[in-house]
Amino acid sequence: MAAPADGNGKDPAVTAAVVVLWLLLALFVVYPLAMLFARMLTDHGTFTFAGIATVLTDRHQIRAFWNSLWLGLLVGVIGTAFGFLFAFTAARGKLPRRVLGILDASVLLPLVSPPFTTAIAMIFSFGPRGLITYDLLGMKGVTVYGLTSTLFSEVLTYFPIAYLTLRPILAAIDSNIEGMALSLGASRWRVFRTVTLPLAVPGLANAFLLLFAASLADFATPLILAGNNFPVLPTQAYLQITGMFDLRGGAALSFVLLVPALAVFLLQRYWVSRRFYVTITGKGAGQTPFDSVSAGARTVLVGACVAVALVIVYFYALLLYASLVVALGANHAFTLQHYRVIFTEGLKAIRDTLIIAGLAMPLGGLYGILLGYLVTKKTFFGRRTMELVSMVNYALPGTIVGIAYLIAFNDPPLELTGTALIIVACYIFRYGPTGIRATVALLQQIDRSLEEASQGLGAGSGTTFRRITLPLILPAFFAGLGVVFIRSMTAISATIFLVSISWTLITVKILENITELSLGPAAAFSVLVVAIVFVVIAAIGRLLRVFRAPGAMPMTSLLGG
């Protein structure tokens, strides 16, 4: 629950900021969705349900819909189990700091790379000329495409979200509760089953819904690995527009995808609001944490985590190796040719991506702290509505957002498709809400008397914000910067519809290379993205340590949201 807002609705600075934000939200959130629905429900100015009817009666599209739900369900269940394994081991395993740091670093890799990076590694490992299937096992004619490989790739890509969601919840459970159960004669297994696990249920549900939504929004991994035998809705919507140039059909498919996406978002918000099920009472000074894991169980847990971490590290090491050899599976002679290709033929994509990310990062960070500050600390008409509208693009699958932007900004009077502006706006209003969440979390911990004292001494709201509030919420600003930059470097589901000859992105070039079977340059591009993102994370992490306020939210925890 947000802290009570101040009654500053008549402040000119507040009024101006609210008006500007509403105009931007109307233009880049409400208007594209309205145009999406208009395109779906009209045909040359005539109201019709023909587009929806076509989707609902097409067996192939119905199959794609159920495939999407089934894949999302599997990714949610398995990914949440993996995330809980890592979170429980980190919170209860008493791991040395160095071991915990190594596990965290390996888990972070999928979050800071393009979402289909593991799909490329799957092809390198298990494809027709795969390192494991062909070189190691001597198997020929092996196909890597289908549900199993898509599921495996998405689980490895998204389970870190569950880990980052569950770890603070497990760490916050008061160990006294578990200790009391143990002192009453319960076994460790029974304490886990009857005390720890029930207290973590809201977190588990939240993690499941986040992973389900992430899988539902992913079109690149199924496009690479699912093949024709396992179509999913995001891929079908993409092919409907790019292959058949059918915007109305793509809009109709987006609407079908919108229904489960919104349901998941509302359920996720419901579970987040039920945090009172977890006892966050803190640990008293000198308290000895409950030893909930025996030595044997600890060995098993750590071994399982290390095994999964090694698979992730292997995939990324394989990508690096594939970028440094002539052709993985055919010619393993070392070469820098793939890097020469990306820094010559792909130089424009690199430059465009860095320019767009560089523009979106500060603007997204500013948008996040400004809107978060207004909806938390100020009272004005439509405050709650503004907060809800600001989260819409964040909650929707990227495919829906991209198609909505394409329809809304493809024709006069707002013909923005193909420009850098539309891509920057997409990133700001899709990933900026991360900064809003961080700002709200920090503002809830700031004593209102600080701002009241400033205003009591005659300072206006602008001066109070600049000199009192802003220094205290700078960690949220830098966290928002980091997340917007990371997503700007790695996202593809929305922006695939917005690129052009004038402006393109690294992730789009990677996908093009994969479809053209130029896997070496695709691997080199992926390695470059990971390297750039890690450098930026390190720089922002250093700034966070300099500016961090008490209770500041670590940036890695925001990556899971």
Protein backbone atom coordinates (compact mmCIF):
# COMPACT_ATOMS: atom_id res chain seq x y z
CA MET A 1 0.00 0.00 0.00
CA ALA A 2 1.42 3.35 -1.04
CA ALA A 3 1.97 6.01 1.55
CA PRO A 4 -0.74 8.69 1.79
CA ALA A 5 -0.23 11.34 -0.83
CA ASP A 6 0.17 15.01 -0.07
CA GLY A 7 -2.52 17.45 -1.05
CA ASN A 8 -0.64 19.37 -3.71
CA GLY A 9 -3.08 19.09 -6.55
CA LYS A 10 -3.08 22.91 -7.08
CA ASP A 11 0.70 23.29 -7.32
CA PRO A 12 1.50 24.63 -10.83
CA ALA A 13 4.57 22.38 -11.18
CA VAL A 14 2.56 19.31 -10.21
CA THR A 15 -0.29 20.27 -12.53
CA ALA A 16 2.08 20.80 -15.47
CA ALA A 17 3.84 17.47 -14.85
CA VAL A 18 0.52 15.61 -14.58
CA VAL A 19 -0.79 17.15 -17.82
CA VAL A 20 2.40 16.29 -19.74
CA LEU A 21 2.44 12.72 -18.43
CA TRP A 22 -1.23 12.21 -19.29
CA LEU A 23 -0.62 13.47 -22.82
CA LEU A 24 2.30 11.09 -23.25
CA LEU A 25 0.37 8.14 -21.79
CA ALA A 26 -2.59 8.93 -24.03
CA LEU A 27 -0.34 9.07 -27.10
CA PHE A 28 1.94 6.09 -26.45
CA VAL A 29 -0.24 3.75 -24.37
CA VAL A 30 -3.96 4.42 -24.85
CA TYR A 31 -3.97 5.51 -28.49
CA PRO A 32 -2.04 2.48 -29.90
CA LEU A 33 -4.35 0.03 -28.10
CA ALA A 34 -7.42 1.93 -29.28
CA MET A 35 -6.13 1.77 -32.85
CA LEU A 36 -5.42 -1.96 -32.43
CA PHE A 37 -9.05 -2.57 -31.45
CA ALA A 38 -10.31 -0.27 -34.19
CA ARG A 39 -8.31 -2.13 -36.85
CA MET A 40 -9.57 -5.45 -35.52
CA LEU A 41 -13.26 -4.46 -35.34
CA THR A 42 -13.66 -2.36 -38.49
CA ASP A 43 -13.34 -3.01 -42.19
CA HIS A 44 -13.31 0.11 -44.41
CA GLY A 45 -15.23 2.02 -41.76
CA THR A 46 -17.77 -0.75 -41.12
CA PHE A 47 -18.05 -2.42 -37.73
CA THR A 48 -17.44 -6.17 -38.00
CA PHE A 49 -16.40 -9.22 -35.99
CA ALA A 50 -15.10 -10.97 -39.09
CA GLY A 51 -11.46 -10.73 -38.01
CA ILE A 52 -12.12 -12.34 -34.64
CA ALA A 53 -14.45 -14.92 -36.22
CA THR A 54 -11.73 -15.93 -38.68
CA VAL A 55 -9.28 -16.56 -35.85
CA LEU A 56 -11.79 -18.42 -33.69
CA THR A 57 -12.81 -20.74 -36.54
CA ASP A 58 -9.31 -21.42 -37.91
CA ARG A 59 -8.12 -24.74 -36.52
CA HIS A 60 -4.48 -23.82 -37.01
CA GLN A 61 -4.86 -20.62 -34.99
CA ILE A 62 -6.87 -22.38 -32.28
CA ARG A 63 -4.11 -24.97 -32.06
CA ALA A 64 -1.55 -22.17 -31.78
CA PHE A 65 -3.58 -20.63 -28.94
CA TRP A 66 -3.68 -23.86 -26.93
CA ASN A 67 -0.02 -24.52 -27.70
CA SER A 68 0.83 -21.08 -26.27
CA LEU A 69 -1.08 -21.82 -23.07
CA TRP A 70 0.45 -25.29 -22.75
CA LEU A 71 3.99 -24.01 -23.30
CA GLY A 72 3.40 -21.18 -20.81
CA LEU A 73 2.04 -23.63 -18.23
CA LEU A 74 5.04 -25.94 -18.57
CA VAL A 75 7.54 -23.08 -18.46
CA GLY A 76 5.75 -21.65 -15.41
CA VAL A 77 5.76 -24.92 -13.47
CA ILE A 78 9.27 -26.12 -14.33
CA GLY A 79 10.84 -22.66 -14.24
CA THR A 80 9.28 -21.90 -10.84
CA ALA A 81 10.61 -25.23 -9.52
CA PHE A 82 14.11 -24.35 -10.74
CA GLY A 83 13.82 -20.85 -9.31
CA PHE A 84 12.68 -22.20 -5.94
CA LEU A 85 15.57 -24.68 -5.93
CA PHE A 86 18.09 -21.85 -6.40
CA ALA A 87 16.31 -19.48 -4.01
CA PHE A 88 15.97 -22.07 -1.23
CA THR A 89 19.60 -23.11 -1.62
CA ALA A 90 20.74 -19.48 -1.50
CA ALA A 91 18.54 -18.59 1.48
CA ARG A 92 18.94 -21.75 3.55
CA GLY A 93 22.06 -23.47 2.23
CA LYS A 94 24.63 -21.38 4.15
CA LEU A 95 26.73 -21.09 1.02
CA PRO A 96 30.09 -19.32 1.09
CA ARG A 97 29.86 -15.81 -0.35
CA ARG A 98 32.08 -16.74 -3.28
CA VAL A 99 29.94 -19.75 -4.26
CA LEU A 100 26.79 -17.67 -3.97
CA GLY A 101 28.34 -14.99 -6.15
CA ILE A 102 29.22 -17.53 -8.84
CA LEU A 103 25.65 -18.91 -8.84
CA ASP A 104 24.22 -15.39 -9.04
CA ALA A 105 26.50 -14.53 -11.97
CA SER A 106 25.47 -17.65 -13.91
CA VAL A 107 21.79 -16.99 -13.23
CA LEU A 108 22.20 -13.39 -14.41
CA LEU A 109 23.49 -14.42 -17.84
CA PRO A 110 20.09 -15.27 -19.41
CA LEU A 111 18.62 -12.01 -18.09
CA VAL A 112 21.20 -9.77 -19.75
CA SER A 113 21.27 -11.45 -23.16
CA PRO A 114 18.72 -11.61 -25.99
CA PRO A 115 15.88 -14.00 -25.05
CA PHE A 116 16.70 -16.41 -27.87
CA THR A 117 20.40 -16.76 -27.02
CA THR A 118 19.87 -20.18 -25.47
CA ALA A 119 17.98 -21.19 -28.62
CA ILE A 120 21.11 -20.53 -30.67
CA ALA A 121 23.13 -22.60 -28.20
CA MET A 122 20.56 -25.40 -28.50
CA ILE A 123 21.11 -25.54 -32.26
CA PHE A 124 24.89 -25.54 -31.77
CA SER A 125 24.59 -28.41 -29.25
CA PHE A 126 21.78 -30.60 -30.58
CA GLY A 127 21.27 -29.58 -34.21
CA PRO A 128 22.12 -31.68 -37.28
CA ARG A 129 25.81 -30.72 -36.85
CA GLY A 130 25.58 -30.16 -33.12
CA LEU A 131 28.59 -30.44 -30.86
CA ILE A 132 26.88 -33.05 -28.67
CA THR A 133 24.63 -34.92 -31.10
CA TYR A 134 26.96 -35.02 -34.11
CA ASP A 135 30.53 -34.57 -32.87
CA LEU A 136 30.28 -36.30 -29.49
CA LEU A 137 27.59 -38.95 -30.03
CA GLY A 138 27.92 -39.40 -33.78
CA MET A 139 24.16 -39.09 -34.35
CA LYS A 140 23.04 -38.07 -37.83
CA GLY A 141 19.74 -36.64 -39.02
CA VAL A 142 18.84 -35.34 -35.57
CA THR A 143 16.25 -32.59 -35.38
CA VAL A 144 16.32 -30.10 -32.55
CA TYR A 145 13.02 -28.44 -33.43
CA GLY A 146 9.83 -28.95 -31.45
CA LEU A 147 8.18 -28.50 -28.07
CA THR A 148 10.92 -30.12 -25.98
CA SER A 149 13.76 -27.91 -27.17
CA THR A 150 11.57 -24.78 -27.03
CA LEU A 151 10.54 -25.63 -23.48
CA PHE A 152 14.11 -26.32 -22.37
CA SER A 153 15.35 -23.07 -23.89
CA GLU A 154 12.58 -20.95 -22.34
CA VAL A 155 13.00 -22.54 -18.90
CA LEU A 156 16.73 -21.73 -18.88
CA THR A 157 15.98 -18.21 -20.11
CA TYR A 158 13.21 -17.33 -17.65
CA PHE A 159 13.74 -19.34 -14.45
CA PRO A 160 16.10 -16.62 -13.10
CA ILE A 161 12.98 -14.41 -12.85
CA ALA A 162 11.50 -16.93 -10.41
CA TYR A 163 14.80 -17.07 -8.51
CA LEU A 164 14.95 -13.30 -8.06
CA THR A 165 11.28 -13.25 -7.05
CA LEU A 166 11.51 -16.06 -4.48
CA ARG A 167 14.88 -15.43 -2.90
CA PRO A 168 13.90 -12.32 -0.88
CA ILE A 169 10.64 -13.98 0.18
CA LEU A 170 12.42 -17.05 1.57
CA ALA A 171 15.08 -14.88 3.21
CA ALA A 172 12.34 -12.81 4.90
CA ILE A 173 10.57 -15.75 6.57
CA ASP A 174 11.22 -15.49 10.30
CA SER A 175 13.44 -18.42 11.22
CA ASN A 176 11.90 -18.47 14.73
CA ILE A 177 8.73 -19.98 13.28
CA GLU A 178 10.64 -22.85 11.71
CA GLY A 179 12.78 -23.21 14.83
CA MET A 180 9.71 -23.52 17.06
CA ALA A 181 8.27 -26.23 14.82
CA LEU A 182 11.57 -28.11 15.03
CA SER A 183 11.68 -27.76 18.83
CA LEU A 184 8.20 -29.35 19.03
CA GLY A 185 9.59 -32.51 17.46
CA ALA A 186 8.90 -31.99 13.77
CA SER A 187 11.45 -33.29 11.30
CA ARG A 188 13.22 -30.93 8.91
CA TRP A 189 11.16 -32.31 6.03
CA ARG A 190 7.92 -31.73 7.93
CA VAL A 191 8.97 -28.19 8.86
CA PHE A 192 9.67 -27.52 5.21
CA ARG A 193 6.39 -29.08 4.07
CA THR A 194 4.09 -27.56 6.71
CA VAL A 195 5.78 -24.24 7.54
CA THR A 196 8.28 -22.98 4.96
CA LEU A 197 6.48 -24.05 1.79
CA PRO A 198 3.02 -22.71 2.78
CA LEU A 199 4.56 -19.35 3.72
CA ALA A 200 6.19 -19.19 0.28
CA VAL A 201 2.99 -20.05 -1.64
CA PRO A 202 2.09 -16.45 -2.62
CA GLY A 203 5.65 -15.98 -3.89
CA LEU A 204 5.48 -19.25 -5.81
CA ALA A 205 2.19 -18.21 -7.41
CA ASN A 206 3.64 -14.83 -8.31
CA ALA A 207 6.75 -16.43 -9.83
CA PHE A 208 4.63 -18.89 -11.82
CA LEU A 209 2.50 -16.11 -13.26
CA LEU A 210 5.57 -14.04 -14.19
CA LEU A 211 7.10 -16.99 -16.04
CA PHE A 212 3.80 -17.89 -17.70
CA ALA A 213 3.51 -14.31 -18.95
CA ALA A 214 7.13 -14.27 -20.15
CA SER A 215 6.61 -17.46 -22.15
CA LEU A 216 3.32 -16.18 -23.54
CA ALA A 217 5.09 -13.07 -24.82
CA ASP A 218 8.11 -14.85 -26.35
CA PHE A 219 7.94 -15.20 -30.09
CA ALA A 220 11.64 -15.41 -31.00
CA THR A 221 12.46 -18.70 -29.27
CA PRO A 222 9.45 -20.56 -30.77
CA LEU A 223 10.21 -18.95 -34.13
CA ILE A 224 13.71 -20.49 -34.01
CA LEU A 225 13.03 -23.81 -32.28
CA ALA A 226 9.33 -24.72 -32.36
CA GLY A 227 9.08 -25.35 -36.08
CA ASN A 228 5.86 -25.89 -38.01
CA ASN A 229 4.81 -28.76 -35.76
CA PHE A 230 4.30 -26.53 -32.72
CA PRO A 231 2.90 -23.12 -33.74
CA VAL A 232 2.25 -20.52 -31.01
CA LEU A 233 0.22 -17.32 -31.14
CA PRO A 234 3.02 -14.72 -30.93
CA THR A 235 4.81 -16.36 -33.85
CA GLN A 236 1.57 -16.64 -35.83
CA ALA A 237 0.82 -12.94 -35.27
CA TYR A 238 4.33 -12.02 -36.42
CA LEU A 239 4.07 -14.17 -39.56
CA GLN A 240 0.57 -12.85 -40.27
CA ILE A 241 1.94 -9.30 -40.49
CA THR A 242 5.43 -9.79 -41.91
CA GLY A 243 4.60 -12.72 -44.20
CA MET A 244 1.02 -12.00 -45.30
CA PHE A 245 0.95 -8.21 -44.67
CA ASP A 246 -2.39 -8.70 -42.91
CA LEU A 247 -2.59 -6.06 -40.18
CA ARG A 248 -6.21 -6.86 -39.32
CA GLY A 249 -5.44 -10.55 -38.97
CA GLY A 250 -2.42 -9.74 -36.81
CA ALA A 251 -4.57 -7.43 -34.68
CA ALA A 252 -7.14 -10.20 -34.21
CA LEU A 253 -4.45 -12.67 -33.14
CA SER A 254 -3.10 -10.05 -30.75
CA PHE A 255 -6.55 -9.70 -29.19
CA VAL A 256 -6.74 -13.45 -28.62
CA LEU A 257 -3.31 -13.29 -26.97
CA LEU A 258 -4.41 -10.23 -24.96
CA VAL A 259 -7.07 -12.13 -22.99
CA PRO A 260 -4.78 -14.61 -21.16
CA ALA A 261 -2.07 -11.93 -20.82
CA LEU A 262 -4.40 -9.56 -18.96
CA ALA A 263 -5.76 -12.42 -16.85
CA VAL A 264 -2.23 -13.34 -15.80
CA PHE A 265 -1.40 -9.69 -15.03
CA LEU A 266 -4.46 -9.29 -12.78
CA LEU A 267 -3.77 -12.57 -11.00
CA GLN A 268 -0.13 -11.56 -10.50
CA ARG A 269 -1.16 -8.26 -8.92
CA TYR A 270 -3.61 -10.15 -6.70
CA TRP A 271 -0.91 -12.49 -5.40
CA VAL A 272 1.49 -9.61 -4.82
CA SER A 273 -1.16 -7.94 -2.67
CA ARG A 274 -1.31 -11.07 -0.48
CA ARG A 275 2.22 -10.68 0.92
CA PHE A 276 0.86 -10.78 4.43
CA TYR A 277 1.03 -14.56 4.19
CA VAL A 278 4.82 -14.25 4.54
CA THR A 279 6.06 -13.31 8.01
CA ILE A 280 8.56 -10.50 7.49
CA THR A 281 9.38 -9.89 11.10
CA GLY A 282 13.16 -9.50 10.83
CA LYS A 283 15.86 -11.27 12.82
CA GLY A 284 16.83 -10.01 16.18
CA ALA A 285 20.38 -9.21 17.05
CA GLY A 286 22.36 -12.29 17.87
CA GLN A 287 19.67 -14.64 16.62
CA THR A 288 20.97 -17.88 15.14
CA PRO A 289 19.21 -18.67 11.85
CA PHE A 290 17.30 -21.94 11.78
CA ASP A 291 19.35 -24.76 10.28
CA SER A 292 16.62 -26.08 7.98
CA VAL A 293 18.85 -28.20 5.74
CA SER A 294 20.87 -31.22 6.76
CA ALA A 295 24.39 -31.71 5.46
CA GLY A 296 23.27 -34.39 3.00
CA ALA A 297 20.36 -32.34 1.69
CA ARG A 298 22.62 -29.31 1.37
CA THR A 299 25.00 -31.34 -0.80
CA VAL A 300 22.13 -32.46 -3.04
CA LEU A 301 20.73 -28.92 -3.36
CA VAL A 302 24.10 -27.35 -4.11
CA GLY A 303 24.89 -30.13 -6.58
CA ALA A 304 21.61 -29.59 -8.43
CA CYS A 305 22.17 -25.82 -8.59
CA VAL A 306 25.73 -26.25 -9.79
CA ALA A 307 24.54 -28.69 -12.49
CA VAL A 308 22.02 -26.17 -13.83
CA ALA A 309 24.57 -23.34 -13.58
CA LEU A 310 27.09 -25.43 -15.52
CA VAL A 311 24.55 -25.97 -18.31
CA ILE A 312 24.02 -22.21 -18.55
CA VAL A 313 27.76 -21.51 -18.49
CA TYR A 314 28.32 -24.24 -21.11
CA PHE A 315 25.75 -22.66 -23.43
CA TYR A 316 27.35 -19.23 -23.21
CA ALA A 317 30.87 -20.63 -23.48
CA LEU A 318 29.70 -22.50 -26.58
CA LEU A 319 28.40 -19.26 -28.05
CA LEU A 320 31.79 -17.65 -27.46
CA TYR A 321 33.55 -20.64 -29.03
CA ALA A 322 31.18 -20.64 -32.02
CA SER A 323 31.94 -16.97 -32.58
CA LEU A 324 35.67 -17.74 -32.74
CA VAL A 325 35.69 -20.73 -35.14
CA VAL A 326 35.00 -20.86 -38.86
CA ALA A 327 31.91 -23.09 -38.63
CA LEU A 328 30.96 -25.02 -35.52
CA GLY A 329 30.46 -28.67 -36.41
CA ALA A 330 32.31 -28.40 -39.72
CA ASN A 331 35.50 -26.37 -39.36
CA HIS A 332 36.84 -25.58 -35.88
CA ALA A 333 39.79 -23.48 -37.02
CA PHE A 334 39.98 -20.29 -34.99
CA THR A 335 39.11 -17.04 -36.76
CA LEU A 336 37.95 -13.50 -36.06
CA GLN A 337 36.00 -13.36 -39.31
CA HIS A 338 32.60 -13.34 -37.58
CA TYR A 339 33.61 -10.31 -35.52
CA ARG A 340 34.91 -8.62 -38.65
CA VAL A 341 31.49 -9.21 -40.21
CA ILE A 342 29.53 -7.71 -37.31
CA PHE A 343 31.84 -4.70 -37.09
CA THR A 344 31.55 -4.03 -40.83
CA GLU A 345 28.23 -5.29 -42.20
CA GLY A 346 26.60 -5.11 -38.77
CA LEU A 347 28.18 -1.86 -37.63
CA LYS A 348 25.04 0.14 -38.41
CA ALA A 349 22.92 -2.15 -36.21
CA ILE A 350 25.43 -1.79 -33.37
CA ARG A 351 25.51 1.99 -33.71
CA ASP A 352 21.71 2.29 -33.98
CA THR A 353 21.16 0.05 -30.96
CA LEU A 354 23.59 1.99 -28.78
CA ILE A 355 22.09 5.33 -29.86
CA ILE A 356 18.53 4.18 -29.16
CA ALA A 357 19.50 2.57 -25.84
CA GLY A 358 21.47 5.68 -24.91
CA LEU A 359 18.42 7.86 -25.55
CA ALA A 360 15.89 5.55 -23.92
CA MET A 361 17.97 5.01 -20.77
CA PRO A 362 17.92 8.54 -19.26
CA LEU A 363 14.42 9.31 -20.54
CA GLY A 364 13.05 6.04 -19.16
CA GLY A 365 14.77 6.63 -15.82
CA LEU A 366 13.37 10.18 -15.59
CA TYR A 367 9.88 8.99 -16.57
CA GLY A 368 10.00 6.29 -13.90
CA ILE A 369 10.97 8.49 -10.95
CA LEU A 370 8.70 11.38 -11.98
CA LEU A 371 5.56 9.30 -12.40
CA GLY A 372 6.39 7.17 -9.35
CA TYR A 373 6.85 10.33 -7.27
CA LEU A 374 3.59 11.89 -8.44
CA VAL A 375 1.35 8.86 -7.87
CA THR A 376 2.90 8.20 -4.45
CA LYS A 377 3.34 11.66 -2.97
CA LYS A 378 0.82 13.93 -4.71
CA THR A 379 -2.95 14.08 -4.81
CA PHE A 380 -4.63 14.83 -8.13
CA PHE A 381 -7.63 13.66 -10.08
CA GLY A 382 -7.01 10.32 -11.81
CA ARG A 383 -3.91 9.45 -9.77
CA ARG A 384 -4.72 5.74 -9.48
CA THR A 385 -5.82 5.60 -13.09
CA MET A 386 -2.49 7.09 -14.18
CA GLU A 387 -0.61 4.43 -12.22
CA LEU A 388 -2.70 1.68 -13.82
CA VAL A 389 -2.37 3.05 -17.36
CA SER A 390 1.41 3.40 -16.93
CA MET A 391 1.62 -0.35 -16.28
CA VAL A 392 -0.38 -1.46 -19.36
CA ASN A 393 2.51 -1.68 -21.86
CA TYR A 394 4.65 -3.34 -19.17
CA ALA A 395 1.99 -6.02 -18.59
CA LEU A 396 1.19 -6.80 -22.23
CA PRO A 397 3.25 -9.19 -24.37
CA GLY A 398 5.71 -7.34 -26.57
CA THR A 399 4.08 -8.73 -29.70
CA ILE A 400 0.82 -6.94 -28.85
CA VAL A 401 2.61 -3.67 -28.06
CA GLY A 402 4.63 -3.84 -31.28
CA ILE A 403 1.60 -4.55 -33.47
CA ALA A 404 -0.38 -1.78 -31.74
CA TYR A 405 2.45 0.72 -32.37
CA LEU A 406 2.75 -0.41 -35.99
CA ILE A 407 -0.97 0.12 -36.61
CA ALA A 408 -1.15 3.43 -34.73
CA PHE A 409 1.96 5.10 -36.13
CA ASN A 410 2.16 3.68 -39.65
CA ASP A 411 -0.04 6.30 -41.31
CA PRO A 412 -0.56 10.09 -41.13
CA PRO A 413 -1.07 12.18 -39.07
CA LEU A 414 1.33 10.29 -36.75
CA GLU A 415 3.59 8.49 -39.21
CA LEU A 416 6.44 7.53 -36.89
CA THR A 417 7.13 3.92 -37.87
CA GLY A 418 10.70 3.48 -39.06
CA THR A 419 12.06 6.34 -36.96
CA ALA A 420 14.21 6.16 -33.86
CA LEU A 421 11.55 8.11 -31.94
CA ILE A 422 8.99 5.31 -32.05
CA ILE A 423 11.50 2.70 -30.87
CA VAL A 424 12.67 4.96 -28.03
CA ALA A 425 9.06 5.66 -27.03
CA CYS A 426 8.30 1.93 -27.08
CA TYR A 427 11.20 1.23 -24.72
CA ILE A 428 10.35 4.11 -22.36
CA PHE A 429 6.67 3.21 -21.92
CA ARG A 430 7.26 -0.55 -21.91
CA TYR A 431 10.24 -0.78 -19.54
CA GLY A 432 10.10 2.57 -17.72
CA PRO A 433 7.50 1.18 -15.25
CA THR A 434 10.36 -0.76 -13.66
CA GLY A 435 11.66 2.59 -12.42
CA ILE A 436 8.14 3.47 -11.25
CA ARG A 437 8.05 0.35 -9.08
CA ALA A 438 11.47 1.08 -7.60
CA THR A 439 10.55 4.71 -6.91
CA VAL A 440 7.30 3.79 -5.19
CA ALA A 441 9.11 1.20 -3.06
CA LEU A 442 11.67 3.77 -1.91
CA LEU A 443 9.19 6.59 -1.33
CA GLN A 444 7.19 4.36 1.00
CA GLN A 445 10.24 4.31 3.29
CA ILE A 446 10.89 8.09 3.29
CA ASP A 447 9.44 9.99 6.25
CA ARG A 448 6.92 12.57 4.99
CA SER A 449 8.15 15.02 7.63
CA LEU A 450 11.30 15.67 5.53
CA GLU A 451 9.28 17.11 2.66
CA GLU A 452 6.80 18.81 4.99
CA ALA A 453 9.67 20.60 6.75
CA SER A 454 11.02 21.84 3.41
CA GLN A 455 7.62 23.12 2.33
CA GLY A 456 7.06 24.65 5.75
CA LEU A 457 10.19 26.73 5.22
CA GLY A 458 8.73 28.15 2.02
CA ALA A 459 10.21 25.84 -0.64
CA GLY A 460 7.97 24.98 -3.58
CA SER A 461 7.25 21.42 -4.67
CA GLY A 462 9.86 21.63 -7.43
CA THR A 463 12.59 22.78 -5.05
CA THR A 464 11.57 20.17 -2.46
CA PHE A 465 11.65 17.42 -5.05
CA ARG A 466 15.02 18.52 -6.46
CA ARG A 467 16.82 19.09 -3.15
CA ILE A 468 15.13 16.65 -0.73
CA THR A 469 13.33 13.81 -2.51
CA LEU A 470 15.51 13.32 -5.59
CA PRO A 471 18.75 12.60 -3.70
CA LEU A 472 16.90 9.97 -1.66
CA ILE A 473 15.44 8.17 -4.67
CA LEU A 474 18.53 8.30 -6.89
CA PRO A 475 19.08 4.53 -6.41
CA ALA A 476 15.68 3.93 -8.00
CA PHE A 477 16.66 6.26 -10.85
CA PHE A 478 19.88 4.36 -11.54
CA ALA A 479 18.09 1.01 -11.25
CA GLY A 480 15.55 2.24 -13.80
CA LEU A 481 18.40 3.35 -16.07
CA GLY A 482 19.97 -0.09 -15.92
CA VAL A 483 16.82 -2.03 -16.67
CA VAL A 484 15.78 0.23 -19.56
CA PHE A 485 19.28 -0.07 -21.05
CA ILE A 486 19.36 -3.86 -20.66
CA ARG A 487 15.94 -4.28 -22.26
CA SER A 488 16.85 -1.81 -25.01
CA MET A 489 19.86 -3.98 -25.86
CA THR A 490 18.09 -7.35 -25.64
CA ALA A 491 14.39 -6.91 -26.48
CA ILE A 492 12.92 -7.95 -29.80
CA SER A 493 9.25 -8.96 -29.47
CA ALA A 494 7.89 -5.40 -29.71
CA THR A 495 10.55 -3.64 -31.75
CA ILE A 496 10.75 -6.28 -34.50
CA PHE A 497 7.70 -4.52 -36.00
CA LEU A 498 9.21 -1.03 -35.71
CA VAL A 499 12.66 -1.33 -37.28
CA SER A 500 13.39 -0.10 -40.78
CA ILE A 501 16.22 0.47 -43.23
CA SER A 502 16.96 3.72 -41.40
CA TRP A 503 17.01 2.24 -37.91
CA THR A 504 17.65 -1.39 -37.00
CA LEU A 505 18.72 -3.30 -33.90
CA ILE A 506 21.29 -5.94 -32.96
CA THR A 507 18.60 -8.41 -31.86
CA VAL A 508 16.91 -8.11 -35.26
CA LYS A 509 20.23 -8.73 -37.00
CA ILE A 510 20.78 -11.83 -34.83
CA LEU A 511 17.37 -13.17 -35.81
CA GLU A 512 18.08 -12.44 -39.49
CA ASN A 513 21.41 -14.26 -39.26
CA ILE A 514 19.75 -17.29 -37.70
CA THR A 515 17.08 -17.49 -40.40
CA GLU A 516 19.85 -17.21 -43.02
CA LEU A 517 21.85 -19.91 -41.16
CA SER A 518 24.71 -17.46 -40.54
CA LEU A 519 25.16 -18.82 -37.04
CA GLY A 520 28.73 -17.58 -36.53
CA PRO A 521 27.84 -13.88 -36.83
CA ALA A 522 24.72 -14.52 -34.74
CA ALA A 523 26.92 -15.93 -31.98
CA ALA A 524 29.34 -13.01 -32.27
CA PHE A 525 26.50 -10.49 -31.99
CA SER A 526 25.17 -12.31 -28.91
CA VAL A 527 28.57 -12.28 -27.22
CA LEU A 528 28.91 -8.57 -27.98
CA VAL A 529 25.51 -7.79 -26.41
CA VAL A 530 26.34 -9.72 -23.24
CA ALA A 531 29.71 -7.94 -22.97
CA ILE A 532 28.18 -4.48 -23.44
CA VAL A 533 25.40 -5.13 -20.95
CA PHE A 534 27.78 -6.47 -18.30
CA VAL A 535 29.98 -3.37 -18.67
CA VAL A 536 26.94 -1.10 -18.22
CA ILE A 537 25.67 -3.17 -15.25
CA ALA A 538 29.06 -2.86 -13.59
CA ALA A 539 29.11 0.91 -14.14
CA ILE A 540 25.58 1.39 -12.85
CA GLY A 541 26.25 -0.95 -9.94
CA ARG A 542 29.16 1.27 -8.94
CA LEU A 543 26.90 4.32 -9.12
CA LEU A 544 24.27 2.51 -7.07
CA ARG A 545 26.82 1.84 -4.33
CA VAL A 546 27.76 5.52 -4.32
CA PHE A 547 24.23 6.87 -4.25
CA ARG A 548 22.39 4.05 -2.46
CA ALA A 549 19.93 5.10 0.22
CA PRO A 550 18.80 2.85 3.09
CA GLY A 551 16.44 0.23 1.76
CA ALA A 552 17.33 0.80 -1.86
CA MET A 553 16.27 -1.94 -4.22
CA PRO A 554 19.11 -3.83 -5.97
CA MET A 555 18.90 -3.66 -9.74
CA THR A 556 19.06 -7.44 -10.13
CA SER A 557 15.81 -7.78 -8.17
CA LEU A 558 14.13 -5.49 -10.70
CA LEU A 559 15.10 -7.69 -13.63
CA GLY A 560 12.65 -10.29 -12.47
CA GLY A 561 9.66 -7.97 -12.46
